[in-house]
N, C-alpha and C. Protein backbone atom coordinates (compact mmCIF):
# COMPACT_ATOMS: atom_id res chain seq x y z
N MET A 1 0.83 -1.19 0.00
CA MET A 1 0.00 0.00 0.00
C MET A 1 0.88 1.26 0.00
N LEU A 2 1.78 1.37 0.98
CA LEU A 2 2.68 2.51 1.01
C LEU A 2 3.61 2.50 -0.20
N SER A 3 4.02 1.31 -0.61
CA SER A 3 4.90 1.22 -1.78
C SER A 3 4.19 1.72 -3.04
N ASP A 4 2.88 1.49 -3.14
CA ASP A 4 2.12 2.00 -4.29
C ASP A 4 2.09 3.52 -4.30
N ILE A 5 1.93 4.11 -3.13
CA ILE A 5 1.91 5.57 -3.02
C ILE A 5 3.27 6.14 -3.41
N ILE A 6 4.34 5.51 -2.92
CA ILE A 6 5.69 5.97 -3.24
C ILE A 6 5.96 5.86 -4.74
N LEU A 7 5.57 4.74 -5.34
CA LEU A 7 5.78 4.56 -6.78
C LEU A 7 4.99 5.58 -7.60
N CYS A 8 3.75 5.86 -7.20
CA CYS A 8 2.94 6.88 -7.89
C CYS A 8 3.59 8.24 -7.77
N TYR A 9 4.07 8.57 -6.56
CA TYR A 9 4.74 9.85 -6.35
C TYR A 9 5.96 9.96 -7.25
N LEU A 10 6.79 8.93 -7.27
CA LEU A 10 8.01 8.96 -8.09
C LEU A 10 7.68 9.08 -9.56
N PHE A 11 6.63 8.39 -9.99
CA PHE A 11 6.21 8.49 -11.39
C PHE A 11 5.84 9.94 -11.73
N PHE A 12 4.99 10.54 -10.90
CA PHE A 12 4.51 11.89 -11.20
C PHE A 12 5.61 12.94 -11.08
N ILE A 13 6.49 12.83 -10.11
CA ILE A 13 7.56 13.82 -9.95
C ILE A 13 8.56 13.71 -11.10
N ASN A 14 8.76 12.50 -11.62
CA ASN A 14 9.65 12.34 -12.77
C ASN A 14 9.01 12.86 -14.04
N VAL A 15 7.72 12.65 -14.20
CA VAL A 15 7.01 13.23 -15.34
C VAL A 15 7.07 14.75 -15.25
N LEU A 16 6.90 15.29 -14.05
CA LEU A 16 6.99 16.74 -13.86
C LEU A 16 8.38 17.26 -14.23
N GLY A 17 9.43 16.58 -13.77
CA GLY A 17 10.80 16.99 -14.11
C GLY A 17 11.02 16.98 -15.61
N PHE A 18 10.52 15.96 -16.28
CA PHE A 18 10.63 15.85 -17.73
C PHE A 18 9.90 17.00 -18.42
N ILE A 19 8.67 17.24 -18.00
CA ILE A 19 7.86 18.31 -18.60
C ILE A 19 8.49 19.68 -18.37
N LEU A 20 9.02 19.90 -17.17
CA LEU A 20 9.65 21.19 -16.88
C LEU A 20 10.83 21.45 -17.81
N MET A 21 11.63 20.41 -18.07
CA MET A 21 12.76 20.58 -18.99
C MET A 21 12.26 20.92 -20.40
N GLY A 22 11.25 20.23 -20.86
CA GLY A 22 10.70 20.51 -22.19
C GLY A 22 10.07 21.88 -22.28
N LEU A 23 9.34 22.26 -21.24
CA LEU A 23 8.69 23.56 -21.22
C LEU A 23 9.72 24.69 -21.18
N ASP A 24 10.78 24.51 -20.39
CA ASP A 24 11.80 25.54 -20.33
C ASP A 24 12.54 25.66 -21.66
N LYS A 25 12.76 24.55 -22.33
CA LYS A 25 13.39 24.59 -23.65
C LYS A 25 12.50 25.34 -24.64
N TYR A 26 11.20 25.07 -24.59
CA TYR A 26 10.25 25.76 -25.45
C TYR A 26 10.30 27.27 -25.19
N LYS A 27 10.29 27.63 -23.92
CA LYS A 27 10.31 29.04 -23.56
C LYS A 27 11.63 29.70 -23.97
N ALA A 28 12.72 28.97 -23.87
CA ALA A 28 14.02 29.52 -24.27
C ALA A 28 14.03 29.81 -25.77
N ARG A 29 13.50 28.91 -26.55
CA ARG A 29 13.48 29.10 -28.01
C ARG A 29 12.58 30.25 -28.43
N ASN A 30 11.51 30.47 -27.66
CA ASN A 30 10.54 31.50 -28.02
C ASN A 30 10.72 32.79 -27.22
N ARG A 31 11.84 32.89 -26.55
CA ARG A 31 12.20 34.10 -25.79
C ARG A 31 11.10 34.53 -24.84
N LYS A 32 10.58 33.56 -24.09
CA LYS A 32 9.54 33.84 -23.09
C LYS A 32 10.13 33.71 -21.70
N TRP A 33 9.32 34.06 -20.71
CA TRP A 33 9.73 33.94 -19.32
C TRP A 33 10.13 32.51 -19.04
N ARG A 34 11.30 32.33 -18.42
CA ARG A 34 11.88 31.01 -18.21
C ARG A 34 11.56 30.46 -16.84
N ILE A 35 11.64 29.16 -16.74
CA ILE A 35 11.50 28.47 -15.46
C ILE A 35 12.83 28.62 -14.72
N PRO A 36 12.81 29.09 -13.47
CA PRO A 36 14.07 29.27 -12.74
C PRO A 36 14.84 27.95 -12.60
N GLU A 37 16.17 28.05 -12.70
CA GLU A 37 17.00 26.85 -12.55
C GLU A 37 16.76 26.20 -11.19
N ARG A 38 16.50 27.01 -10.20
CA ARG A 38 16.20 26.49 -8.85
C ARG A 38 15.00 25.54 -8.89
N THR A 39 13.99 25.87 -9.69
CA THR A 39 12.81 25.02 -9.81
C THR A 39 13.15 23.71 -10.50
N LEU A 40 13.98 23.78 -11.53
CA LEU A 40 14.38 22.56 -12.24
C LEU A 40 15.16 21.63 -11.30
N PHE A 41 16.06 22.21 -10.51
CA PHE A 41 16.81 21.39 -9.55
C PHE A 41 15.91 20.87 -8.43
N LEU A 42 14.95 21.68 -8.00
CA LEU A 42 14.05 21.24 -6.93
C LEU A 42 13.24 20.02 -7.36
N ALA A 43 12.76 20.01 -8.59
CA ALA A 43 12.02 18.85 -9.10
C ALA A 43 12.90 17.60 -9.06
N ALA A 44 14.17 17.76 -9.41
CA ALA A 44 15.11 16.63 -9.39
C ALA A 44 15.37 16.17 -7.96
N ILE A 45 15.60 17.11 -7.06
CA ILE A 45 15.90 16.78 -5.67
C ILE A 45 14.71 16.09 -5.00
N LEU A 46 13.51 16.49 -5.36
CA LEU A 46 12.31 15.89 -4.76
C LEU A 46 11.99 14.51 -5.32
N GLY A 47 12.88 13.98 -6.16
CA GLY A 47 12.71 12.62 -6.66
C GLY A 47 12.60 12.51 -8.16
N GLY A 48 12.61 13.63 -8.87
CA GLY A 48 12.44 13.60 -10.31
C GLY A 48 13.72 13.67 -11.11
N SER A 49 14.80 13.15 -10.55
CA SER A 49 16.09 13.25 -11.23
C SER A 49 16.13 12.46 -12.54
N VAL A 50 15.52 11.30 -12.57
CA VAL A 50 15.52 10.50 -13.80
C VAL A 50 14.76 11.23 -14.91
N GLY A 51 13.59 11.75 -14.59
CA GLY A 51 12.81 12.49 -15.57
C GLY A 51 13.52 13.75 -16.04
N SER A 52 14.19 14.43 -15.10
CA SER A 52 14.93 15.63 -15.46
C SER A 52 16.09 15.31 -16.39
N ILE A 53 16.82 14.25 -16.08
CA ILE A 53 17.94 13.84 -16.93
C ILE A 53 17.45 13.43 -18.32
N LEU A 54 16.36 12.67 -18.35
CA LEU A 54 15.79 12.29 -19.66
C LEU A 54 15.35 13.51 -20.43
N GLY A 55 14.73 14.47 -19.75
CA GLY A 55 14.32 15.71 -20.40
C GLY A 55 15.50 16.49 -20.94
N MET A 56 16.58 16.53 -20.16
CA MET A 56 17.79 17.21 -20.64
C MET A 56 18.28 16.60 -21.93
N GLN A 57 18.30 15.26 -21.98
CA GLN A 57 18.84 14.58 -23.16
C GLN A 57 17.89 14.64 -24.35
N ILE A 58 16.62 14.40 -24.12
CA ILE A 58 15.66 14.36 -25.23
C ILE A 58 15.45 15.75 -25.83
N PHE A 59 15.32 16.77 -24.96
CA PHE A 59 15.10 18.13 -25.45
C PHE A 59 16.41 18.88 -25.71
N ARG A 60 17.54 18.23 -25.42
CA ARG A 60 18.86 18.85 -25.56
C ARG A 60 18.87 20.21 -24.87
N HIS A 61 18.47 20.18 -23.61
CA HIS A 61 18.33 21.41 -22.83
C HIS A 61 19.24 21.36 -21.62
N LYS A 62 19.96 22.42 -21.39
CA LYS A 62 20.89 22.58 -20.26
C LYS A 62 22.07 21.62 -20.35
N THR A 63 22.32 21.09 -21.53
CA THR A 63 23.41 20.11 -21.67
C THR A 63 24.79 20.77 -21.78
N ARG A 64 24.82 22.09 -21.84
CA ARG A 64 26.11 22.81 -21.85
C ARG A 64 26.37 23.49 -20.51
N HIS A 65 25.44 23.36 -19.59
CA HIS A 65 25.59 23.97 -18.27
C HIS A 65 26.20 22.95 -17.31
N THR A 66 27.40 23.23 -16.86
CA THR A 66 28.12 22.29 -15.99
C THR A 66 27.31 21.93 -14.75
N ALA A 67 26.62 22.92 -14.19
CA ALA A 67 25.83 22.65 -12.99
C ALA A 67 24.78 21.57 -13.23
N PHE A 68 24.23 21.53 -14.43
CA PHE A 68 23.22 20.53 -14.76
C PHE A 68 23.86 19.21 -15.19
N VAL A 69 24.88 19.30 -16.02
CA VAL A 69 25.54 18.09 -16.53
C VAL A 69 26.14 17.27 -15.39
N ILE A 70 26.67 17.94 -14.40
CA ILE A 70 27.25 17.25 -13.25
C ILE A 70 26.23 17.10 -12.12
N GLY A 71 25.45 18.16 -11.91
CA GLY A 71 24.52 18.18 -10.78
C GLY A 71 23.41 17.15 -10.84
N MET A 72 22.78 17.01 -11.98
CA MET A 72 21.65 16.07 -12.10
C MET A 72 22.09 14.62 -11.86
N PRO A 73 23.17 14.15 -12.48
CA PRO A 73 23.61 12.78 -12.17
C PRO A 73 24.03 12.61 -10.71
N CYS A 74 24.63 13.66 -10.13
CA CYS A 74 25.01 13.58 -8.71
C CYS A 74 23.78 13.43 -7.83
N ILE A 75 22.73 14.18 -8.14
CA ILE A 75 21.48 14.05 -7.39
C ILE A 75 20.95 12.63 -7.51
N LEU A 76 20.97 12.08 -8.72
CA LEU A 76 20.49 10.71 -8.93
C LEU A 76 21.31 9.70 -8.13
N ILE A 77 22.62 9.85 -8.14
CA ILE A 77 23.49 8.92 -7.40
C ILE A 77 23.20 9.01 -5.91
N ILE A 78 23.05 10.21 -5.39
CA ILE A 78 22.73 10.39 -3.97
C ILE A 78 21.38 9.75 -3.65
N GLN A 79 20.41 9.91 -4.52
CA GLN A 79 19.09 9.32 -4.30
C GLN A 79 19.16 7.79 -4.31
N ILE A 80 19.96 7.23 -5.19
CA ILE A 80 20.12 5.77 -5.23
C ILE A 80 20.76 5.27 -3.94
N ILE A 81 21.81 5.97 -3.49
CA ILE A 81 22.47 5.58 -2.25
C ILE A 81 21.50 5.67 -1.07
N LEU A 82 20.74 6.75 -1.00
CA LEU A 82 19.77 6.90 0.08
C LEU A 82 18.69 5.82 0.03
N ALA A 83 18.26 5.46 -1.16
CA ALA A 83 17.25 4.40 -1.30
C ALA A 83 17.81 3.06 -0.83
N ILE A 84 19.05 2.77 -1.19
CA ILE A 84 19.68 1.52 -0.74
C ILE A 84 19.81 1.50 0.77
N LEU A 85 20.26 2.61 1.35
CA LEU A 85 20.38 2.68 2.81
C LEU A 85 19.03 2.54 3.49
N PHE A 86 18.02 3.17 2.92
CA PHE A 86 16.68 3.08 3.50
C PHE A 86 16.14 1.64 3.42
N LEU A 87 16.33 1.00 2.29
CA LEU A 87 15.87 -0.39 2.15
C LEU A 87 16.64 -1.31 3.09
N HIS A 88 17.93 -1.06 3.27
CA HIS A 88 18.72 -1.84 4.22
C HIS A 88 18.20 -1.64 5.64
N TYR A 89 17.89 -0.39 5.98
CA TYR A 89 17.33 -0.09 7.30
C TYR A 89 16.00 -0.81 7.50
N LEU A 90 15.14 -0.79 6.50
CA LEU A 90 13.85 -1.47 6.62
C LEU A 90 14.02 -2.97 6.80
N SER A 91 14.96 -3.56 6.07
CA SER A 91 15.17 -5.00 6.21
C SER A 91 15.74 -5.33 7.59
N THR A 92 16.57 -4.45 8.14
CA THR A 92 17.13 -4.66 9.48
C THR A 92 16.03 -4.57 10.54
N VAL A 93 15.16 -3.58 10.39
CA VAL A 93 14.05 -3.42 11.34
C VAL A 93 13.11 -4.61 11.25
N ALA A 94 12.82 -5.04 10.03
CA ALA A 94 11.93 -6.19 9.84
C ALA A 94 12.54 -7.45 10.48
N ALA A 95 13.83 -7.64 10.29
CA ALA A 95 14.50 -8.80 10.89
C ALA A 95 14.47 -8.73 12.40
N PHE A 96 14.62 -7.53 12.96
CA PHE A 96 14.55 -7.35 14.40
C PHE A 96 13.19 -7.79 14.95
N PHE A 97 12.14 -7.37 14.26
CA PHE A 97 10.80 -7.72 14.73
C PHE A 97 10.52 -9.20 14.57
N VAL A 98 11.05 -9.84 13.57
CA VAL A 98 10.88 -11.27 13.39
C VAL A 98 11.57 -12.03 14.52
N VAL A 99 12.75 -11.60 14.89
CA VAL A 99 13.52 -12.27 15.92
C VAL A 99 12.91 -12.06 17.30
N PHE A 100 12.45 -10.85 17.59
CA PHE A 100 12.02 -10.52 18.94
C PHE A 100 10.50 -10.50 19.14
N THR A 101 9.76 -11.07 18.23
CA THR A 101 8.31 -11.16 18.46
C THR A 101 7.84 -12.58 18.43
């Protein structure tokens, strides 16, 4: 149940990151008001790093900005490490309850 909620959240935040990259690229080409870089990074930090990276590659947007080229993959790596640590913690807690109940 909780895992379904988490998966839905991750799906939507990644779609949002992807859309934000495409929308900002559109606005850049048409010389319109741009989406702040802070917003693009926030979407990635909140879990949308995969969608943001895909958006960067597909729309060829922000691919010359070092902060994005290095920053987005770093955010993804940190998120993977945190997910592994969290899953390890959950398995340790589950094993504790199995042993002591």
